[in-house]
C-alpha atoms as a PDB file:
ATOM      1  CA  UNK A   1     244.867 157.605  75.148  1.00  0.00           C
ATOM      2  CA  UNK A   2     241.381 159.019  74.611  1.00  0.00           C
ATOM      3  CA  UNK A   3     239.607 160.158  77.768  1.00  0.00           C
ATOM      4  CA  UNK A   4     235.873 160.754  77.624  1.00  0.00           C
ATOM      5  CA  UNK A   5     234.507 162.928  80.417  1.00  0.00           C
ATOM      6  CA  UNK A   6     230.751 162.488  80.774  1.00  0.00           C
ATOM      7  CA  UNK A   7     228.304 164.247  83.088  1.00  0.00           C
ATOM      8  CA  UNK A   8     228.343 167.432  85.112  1.00  0.00           C
ATOM      9  CA  UNK A   9     230.653 170.325  84.225  1.00  0.00           C
ATOM     10  CA  UNK A  10     234.270 169.685  85.196  1.00  0.00           C
ATOM     11  CA  UNK A  11     236.385 172.122  83.149  1.00  0.00           C
ATOM     12  CA  UNK A  12     238.757 172.672  86.067  1.00  0.00           C
ATOM     13  CA  UNK A  13     239.447 168.942  86.387  1.00  0.00           C
ATOM     14  CA  UNK A  14     240.220 168.675  82.677  1.00  0.00           C
ATOM     15  CA  UNK A  15     242.534 171.680  82.778  1.00  0.00           C
ATOM     16  CA  UNK A  16     244.385 170.345  85.818  1.00  0.00           C
ATOM     17  CA  UNK A  17     244.853 166.979  84.124  1.00  0.00           C
ATOM     18  CA  UNK A  18     246.036 168.670  80.936  1.00  0.00           C
ATOM     19  CA  UNK A  19     248.839 170.416  82.839  1.00  0.00           C
ATOM     20  CA  UNK A  20     249.948 167.192  84.517  1.00  0.00           C
ATOM     21  CA  UNK A  21     250.030 165.369  81.185  1.00  0.00           C
ATOM     22  CA  UNK A  22     251.913 168.277  79.619  1.00  0.00           C
ATOM     23  CA  UNK A  23     254.630 168.181  82.275  1.00  0.00           C
ATOM     24  CA  UNK A  24     254.930 164.457  81.658  1.00  0.00           C
ATOM     25  CA  UNK A  25     255.953 165.354  78.114  1.00  0.00           C
ATOM     26  CA  UNK A  26     252.629 164.470  76.476  1.00  0.00           C
ATOM     27  CA  UNK A  27     250.972 166.287  73.611  1.00  0.00           C
ATOM     28  CA  UNK A  28     247.456 167.106  74.764  1.00  0.00           C
ATOM     29  CA  UNK A  29     244.308 167.956  72.804  1.00  0.00           C
ATOM     30  CA  UNK A  30     241.053 168.922  74.525  1.00  0.00           C
ATOM     31  CA  UNK A  31     237.646 169.291  72.935  1.00  0.00           C
ATOM     32  CA  UNK A  32     234.218 170.335  74.191  1.00  0.00           C
ATOM     33  CA  UNK A  33     231.098 168.701  72.779  1.00  0.00           C
ATOM     34  CA  UNK A  34     228.898 169.482  75.787  1.00  0.00           C
ATOM     35  CA  UNK A  35     225.689 171.484  75.803  1.00  0.00           C
ATOM     36  CA  UNK A  36     227.029 173.941  78.385  1.00  0.00           C
ATOM     37  CA  UNK A  37     230.394 174.586  76.644  1.00  0.00           C
ATOM     38  CA  UNK A  38     231.883 174.933  80.133  1.00  0.00           C
ATOM     39  CA  UNK A  39     235.379 173.991  78.965  1.00  0.00           C
ATOM     40  CA  UNK A  40     235.121 176.245  75.921  1.00  0.00           C
ATOM     41  CA  UNK A  41     234.457 179.261  78.153  1.00  0.00           C
ATOM     42  CA  UNK A  42     237.506 178.419  80.277  1.00  0.00           C
ATOM     43  CA  UNK A  43     239.912 178.619  77.316  1.00  0.00           C
ATOM     44  CA  UNK A  44     241.225 182.113  76.448  1.00  0.00           C
ATOM     45  CA  UNK A  45     240.396 182.828  72.811  1.00  0.00           C
ATOM     46  CA  UNK A  46     241.298 185.672  70.511  1.00  0.00           C
ATOM     47  CA  UNK A  47     238.015 187.330  69.406  1.00  0.00           C
ATOM     48  CA  UNK A  48     236.872 185.939  66.092  1.00  0.00           C
ATOM     49  CA  UNK A  49     238.660 182.598  66.507  1.00  0.00           C
ATOM     50  CA  UNK A  50     236.655 179.760  64.995  1.00  0.00           C
ATOM     51  CA  UNK A  51     237.393 176.755  67.195  1.00  0.00           C
ATOM     52  CA  UNK A  52     235.031 174.606  65.121  1.00  0.00           C
ATOM     53  CA  UNK A  53     237.271 174.735  62.053  1.00  0.00           C
ATOM     54  CA  UNK A  54     240.677 174.940  63.711  1.00  0.00           C
ATOM     55  CA  UNK A  55     242.485 174.099  66.924  1.00  0.00           C
ATOM     56  CA  UNK A  56     244.082 176.727  69.103  1.00  0.00           C
ATOM     57  CA  UNK A  57     247.162 176.477  71.298  1.00  0.00           C
ATOM     58  CA  UNK A  58     247.388 177.795  74.832  1.00  0.00           C
ATOM     59  CA  UNK A  59     250.420 177.142  77.027  1.00  0.00           C
ATOM     60  CA  UNK A  60     251.521 174.259  74.807  1.00  0.00           C
ATOM     61  CA  UNK A  61     248.255 172.341  74.946  1.00  0.00           C
ATOM     62  CA  UNK A  62     245.581 172.428  72.263  1.00  0.00           C
ATOM     63  CA  UNK A  63     241.814 172.924  72.126  1.00  0.00           C
ATOM     64  CA  UNK A  64     239.056 172.555  69.542  1.00  0.00           C
ATOM     65  CA  UNK A  65     235.303 172.159  69.288  1.00  0.00           C
ATOM     66  CA  UNK A  66     235.507 170.553  65.872  1.00  0.00           C
ATOM     67  CA  UNK A  67     235.505 166.907  64.884  1.00  0.00           C
ATOM     68  CA  UNK A  68     238.658 165.037  65.798  1.00  0.00           C
ATOM     69  CA  UNK A  69     240.467 163.679  62.779  1.00  0.00           C
ATOM     70  CA  UNK A  70     242.326 160.398  62.467  1.00  0.00           C
ATOM     71  CA  UNK A  71     245.522 162.400  62.009  1.00  0.00           C
ATOM     72  CA  UNK A  72     244.977 164.157  65.335  1.00  0.00           C
ATOM     73  CA  UNK A  73     244.404 160.844  67.075  1.00  0.00           C
ATOM     74  CA  UNK A  74     247.833 159.811  65.833  1.00  0.00           C
ATOM     75  CA  UNK A  75     249.483 163.151  66.542  1.00  0.00           C
ATOM     76  CA  UNK A  76     248.463 163.583  70.191  1.00  0.00           C
ATOM     77  CA  UNK A  77     249.379 161.381  73.138  1.00  0.00           C
ATOM     78  CA  UNK A  78     246.255 162.349  75.096  1.00  0.00           C
ATOM     79  CA  UNK A  79     242.877 163.456  73.746  1.00  0.00           C
ATOM     80  CA  UNK A  80     240.327 164.589  76.347  1.00  0.00           C
ATOM     81  CA  UNK A  81     236.722 164.945  75.200  1.00  0.00           C
ATOM     82  CA  UNK A  82     234.084 166.620  77.343  1.00  0.00           C
ATOM     83  CA  UNK A  83     230.666 165.249  76.354  1.00  0.00           C
ATOM     84  CA  UNK A  84     228.499 166.678  79.113  1.00  0.00           C
ATOM     85  CA  UNK A  85     225.291 164.673  78.745  1.00  0.00           C
ATOM     86  CA  UNK A  86     225.419 164.569  74.949  1.00  0.00           C
ATOM     87  CA  UNK A  87     225.579 161.247  73.121  1.00  0.00           C
ATOM     88  CA  UNK A  88     228.114 161.278  70.270  1.00  0.00           C
ATOM     89  CA  UNK A  89     229.769 158.591  68.199  1.00  0.00           C
ATOM     90  CA  UNK A  90     233.154 159.631  69.624  1.00  0.00           C
ATOM     91  CA  UNK A  91     232.205 157.817  72.831  1.00  0.00           C
ATOM     92  CA  UNK A  92     233.112 154.630  70.975  1.00  0.00           C
ATOM     93  CA  UNK A  93     236.684 155.885  70.534  1.00  0.00           C
ATOM     94  CA  UNK A  94     237.385 156.347  74.234  1.00  0.00           C
ATOM     95  CA  UNK A  95     239.894 154.156  76.021  1.00  0.00           C
ATOM     96  CA  UNK A  96     238.950 155.700  79.378  1.00  0.00           C
ATOM     97  CA  UNK A  97     235.551 156.975  80.506  1.00  0.00           C
ATOM     98  CA  UNK A  98     235.101 159.235  83.513  1.00  0.00           C
ATOM     99  CA  UNK A  99     231.501 159.626  84.650  1.00  0.00           C
ATOM    100  CA  UNK A 100     231.065 162.597  86.986  1.00  0.00           C
ATOM    101  CA  UNK A 101     227.864 163.370  88.832  1.00  0.00           C
ATOM    102  CA  UNK A 102     226.335 164.839  91.941  1.00  0.00           C
ATOM    103  CA  UNK A 103     223.179 163.322  93.412  1.00  0.00           C
ATOM    104  CA  UNK A 104     220.656 165.329  91.413  1.00  0.00           C
ATOM    105  CA  UNK A 105     218.180 162.788  90.069  1.00  0.00           C
ATOM    106  CA  UNK A 106     218.130 164.270  86.578  1.00  0.00           C
ATOM    107  CA  UNK A 107     221.929 163.919  86.348  1.00  0.00           C
ATOM    108  CA  UNK A 108     221.871 160.347  87.614  1.00  0.00           C
ATOM    109  CA  UNK A 109     219.255 159.304  85.107  1.00  0.00           C
ATOM    110  CA  UNK A 110     220.954 161.070  82.208  1.00  0.00           C
ATOM    111  CA  UNK A 111     224.209 159.295  82.999  1.00  0.00           C
ATOM    112  CA  UNK A 112     222.412 155.978  83.240  1.00  0.00           C
ATOM    113  CA  UNK A 113     221.163 156.551  79.695  1.00  0.00           C
ATOM    114  CA  UNK A 114     224.716 157.239  78.516  1.00  0.00           C
ATOM    115  CA  UNK A 115     226.336 154.285  80.235  1.00  0.00           C
ATOM    116  CA  UNK A 116     228.622 152.297  78.008  1.00  0.00           C
ATOM    117  CA  UNK A 117     229.534 148.728  78.842  1.00  0.00           C
ATOM    118  CA  UNK A 118     232.730 147.123  77.702  1.00  0.00           C
ATOM    119  CA  UNK A 119     236.343 146.690  78.593  1.00  0.00           C
ATOM    120  CA  UNK A 120     237.350 150.347  78.718  1.00  0.00           C
ATOM    121  CA  UNK A 121     238.659 151.757  81.982  1.00  0.00           C
ATOM    122  CA  UNK A 122     235.839 153.518  83.806  1.00  0.00           C
ATOM    123  CA  UNK A 123     235.676 155.876  86.756  1.00  0.00           C
ATOM    124  CA  UNK A 124     232.634 157.044  88.623  1.00  0.00           C
ATOM    125  CA  UNK A 125     233.165 160.358  90.413  1.00  0.00           C
ATOM    126  CA  UNK A 126     230.746 161.910  92.878  1.00  0.00           C
ATOM    127  CA  UNK A 127     231.376 165.625  93.092  1.00  0.00           C
ATOM    128  CA  UNK A 128     230.113 168.126  95.638  1.00  0.00           C
ATOM    129  CA  UNK A 129     227.850 165.580  97.306  1.00  0.00           C
ATOM    130  CA  UNK A 130     228.346 166.667 100.910  1.00  0.00           C
ATOM    131  CA  UNK A 131     227.493 164.347 103.789  1.00  0.00           C
ATOM    132  CA  UNK A 132     223.715 164.278 103.522  1.00  0.00           C
ATOM    133  CA  UNK A 133     222.500 160.837 104.590  1.00  0.00           C
ATOM    134  CA  UNK A 134     219.622 160.887 102.146  1.00  0.00           C
ATOM    135  CA  UNK A 135     221.998 161.508  99.281  1.00  0.00           C
ATOM    136  CA  UNK A 136     224.213 158.662 100.411  1.00  0.00           C
ATOM    137  CA  UNK A 137     221.204 156.341 100.269  1.00  0.00           C
ATOM    138  CA  UNK A 138     220.729 157.321  96.615  1.00  0.00           C
ATOM    139  CA  UNK A 139     224.100 155.804  95.706  1.00  0.00           C
ATOM    140  CA  UNK A 140     222.786 152.290  94.879  1.00  0.00           C
ATOM    141  CA  UNK A 141     220.404 153.808  92.305  1.00  0.00           C
ATOM    142  CA  UNK A 142     223.341 154.710  90.113  1.00  0.00           C
ATOM    143  CA  UNK A 143     225.806 152.020  91.139  1.00  0.00           C
ATOM    144  CA  UNK A 144     223.611 149.333  89.621  1.00  0.00           C
ATOM    145  CA  UNK A 145     223.329 151.191  86.337  1.00  0.00           C
ATOM    146  CA  UNK A 146     226.986 151.407  85.381  1.00  0.00           C
ATOM    147  CA  UNK A 147     230.089 149.293  85.316  1.00  0.00           C
ATOM    148  CA  UNK A 148     232.477 150.730  87.903  1.00  0.00           C
ATOM    149  CA  UNK A 149     236.141 150.170  88.461  1.00  0.00           C
ATOM    150  CA  UNK A 150     236.772 152.927  90.958  1.00  0.00           C
ATOM    151  CA  UNK A 151     234.989 155.713  92.764  1.00  0.00           C
ATOM    152  CA  UNK A 152     236.134 159.018  94.205  1.00  0.00           C
ATOM    153  CA  UNK A 153     234.266 161.561  96.274  1.00  0.00           C
ATOM    154  CA  UNK A 154     235.403 165.088  95.428  1.00  0.00           C
ATOM    155  CA  UNK A 155     233.697 167.785  97.448  1.00  0.00           C
ATOM    156  CA  UNK A 156     234.067 171.424  96.471  1.00  0.00           C
ATOM    157  CA  UNK A 157     235.635 173.366  99.320  1.00  0.00           C
ATOM    158  CA  UNK A 158     235.733 177.155  99.296  1.00  0.00           C
ATOM    159  CA  UNK A 159     239.354 176.918  98.120  1.00  0.00           C
ATOM    160  CA  UNK A 160     238.431 174.626  95.241  1.00  0.00           C
ATOM    161  CA  UNK A 161     235.599 176.917  94.180  1.00  0.00           C
ATOM    162  CA  UNK A 162     238.013 179.839  94.127  1.00  0.00           C
ATOM    163  CA  UNK A 163     240.485 177.867  92.032  1.00  0.00           C
ATOM    164  CA  UNK A 164     237.692 176.928  89.634  1.00  0.00           C
ATOM    165  CA  UNK A 165     236.810 180.602  89.131  1.00  0.00           C
ATOM    166  CA  UNK A 166     240.499 181.325  88.664  1.00  0.00           C
ATOM    167  CA  UNK A 167     240.500 178.865  85.749  1.00  0.00           C
ATOM    168  CA  UNK A 168     237.594 180.682  84.146  1.00  0.00           C
ATOM    169  CA  UNK A 169     238.531 184.308  84.737  1.00  0.00           C
ATOM    170  CA  UNK A 170     242.317 184.460  85.207  1.00  0.00           C
ATOM    171  CA  UNK A 171     243.372 181.746  82.732  1.00  0.00           C
ATOM    172  CA  UNK A 172     245.430 180.185  85.514  1.00  0.00           C
ATOM    173  CA  UNK A 173     245.226 176.429  85.981  1.00  0.00           C
ATOM    174  CA  UNK A 174     247.171 175.818  89.182  1.00  0.00           C
ATOM    175  CA  UNK A 175     245.459 173.706  91.817  1.00  0.00           C
ATOM    176  CA  UNK A 176     247.560 174.080  94.923  1.00  0.00           C
ATOM    177  CA  UNK A 177     245.309 173.829  97.990  1.00  0.00           C
ATOM    178  CA  UNK A 178     242.710 171.352  96.712  1.00  0.00           C
ATOM    179  CA  UNK A 179     241.494 168.675  99.119  1.00  0.00           C
ATOM    180  CA  UNK A 180     243.482 165.479  99.616  1.00  0.00           C
ATOM    181  CA  UNK A 181     240.609 163.508  98.059  1.00  0.00           C
ATOM    182  CA  UNK A 182     240.600 165.631  94.909  1.00  0.00           C
ATOM    183  CA  UNK A 183     244.392 165.491  94.727  1.00  0.00           C
ATOM    184  CA  UNK A 184     244.315 161.713  95.025  1.00  0.00           C
ATOM    185  CA  UNK A 185     241.680 161.538  92.299  1.00  0.00           C
ATOM    186  CA  UNK A 186     243.868 163.517  89.865  1.00  0.00           C
ATOM    187  CA  UNK A 187     246.926 161.441  90.677  1.00  0.00           C
ATOM    188  CA  UNK A 188     245.186 158.095  90.334  1.00  0.00           C
ATOM    189  CA  UNK A 189     243.487 159.165  87.111  1.00  0.00           C
ATOM    190  CA  UNK A 190     246.889 159.866  85.579  1.00  0.00           C
ATOM    191  CA  UNK A 191     248.165 156.548  86.919  1.00  0.00           C
ATOM    192  CA  UNK A 192     245.242 154.781  85.250  1.00  0.00           C
ATOM    193  CA  UNK A 193     246.125 156.369  81.904  1.00  0.00           C
ATOM    194  CA  UNK A 194     249.914 155.970  82.120  1.00  0.00           C
ATOM    195  CA  UNK A 195     250.533 153.335  84.797  1.00  0.00           C
ATOM    196  CA  UNK A 196     254.220 152.838  84.055  1.00  0.00           C
ATOM    197  CA  UNK A 197     255.229 156.483  83.739  1.00  0.00           C
ATOM    198  CA  UNK A 198     253.139 157.631  86.691  1.00  0.00           C
ATOM    199  CA  UNK A 199     255.054 155.187  88.850  1.00  0.00           C
ATOM    200  CA  UNK A 200     258.420 156.682  87.977  1.00  0.00           C
ATOM    201  CA  UNK A 201     260.343 158.903  90.357  1.00  0.00           C
ATOM    202  CA  UNK A 202     259.955 161.993  88.179  1.00  0.00           C
ATOM    203  CA  UNK A 203     256.162 161.896  88.277  1.00  0.00           C
ATOM    204  CA  UNK A 204     255.993 163.684  91.636  1.00  0.00           C
ATOM    205  CA  UNK A 205     257.858 166.646  90.137  1.00  0.00           C
ATOM    206  CA  UNK A 206     255.545 166.711  87.089  1.00  0.00           C
ATOM    207  CA  UNK A 207     252.558 166.765  89.416  1.00  0.00           C
ATOM    208  CA  UNK A 208     254.094 169.483  91.597  1.00  0.00           C
ATOM    209  CA  UNK A 209     254.824 171.758  88.623  1.00  0.00           C
ATOM    210  CA  UNK A 210     251.254 171.373  87.358  1.00  0.00           C
ATOM    211  CA  UNK A 211     249.905 171.999  90.855  1.00  0.00           C
ATOM    212  CA  UNK A 212     251.865 175.248  91.077  1.00  0.00           C
ATOM    213  CA  UNK A 213     250.397 176.413  87.778  1.00  0.00           C
ATOM    214  CA  UNK A 214     253.682 176.351  85.888  1.00  0.00           C
END
């Protein structure tokens, strides 16, 4: 499965998903092609490591900023690519596309330019949007620009912001204490990627171990 994550910075979401996939017994490769390099700065690296010419391993998952080879596509069960707002040919490889945005107009319009139509599974995620009525009225602007199969509203609580900083500074990717909406989003994303396995009895334990940061 090749997951393309497009839009605003979501390194914490990618790291949480990587731990769930890992506990499901999947080999996971992450890469960061974004302008911000938000995921790159959340991965602990030995000084001098060139992540553009090699991949590095951390807690049994892998990371690179280099081009993904055909061999790696065969070797890994899950490849997660963070594009930010950058257009790259690798978008055509994705089996799942996750568009994440807030209601900033510049983000909405950038995503509209990157929209990709087709038969791939798509998610549209609104993050940290709050309950502002004006912002809610902006929803149709983007909804008409992109093919949607599901939507989730993930709002950053103080707990979630603390966990996000923990990802960046403590190299710890547990997510115990996130909101029920965010938790549901993670769970249903995994179910979209591996519908059969995510429905098995053991999935709850895989999710719990990832949530605890194991």
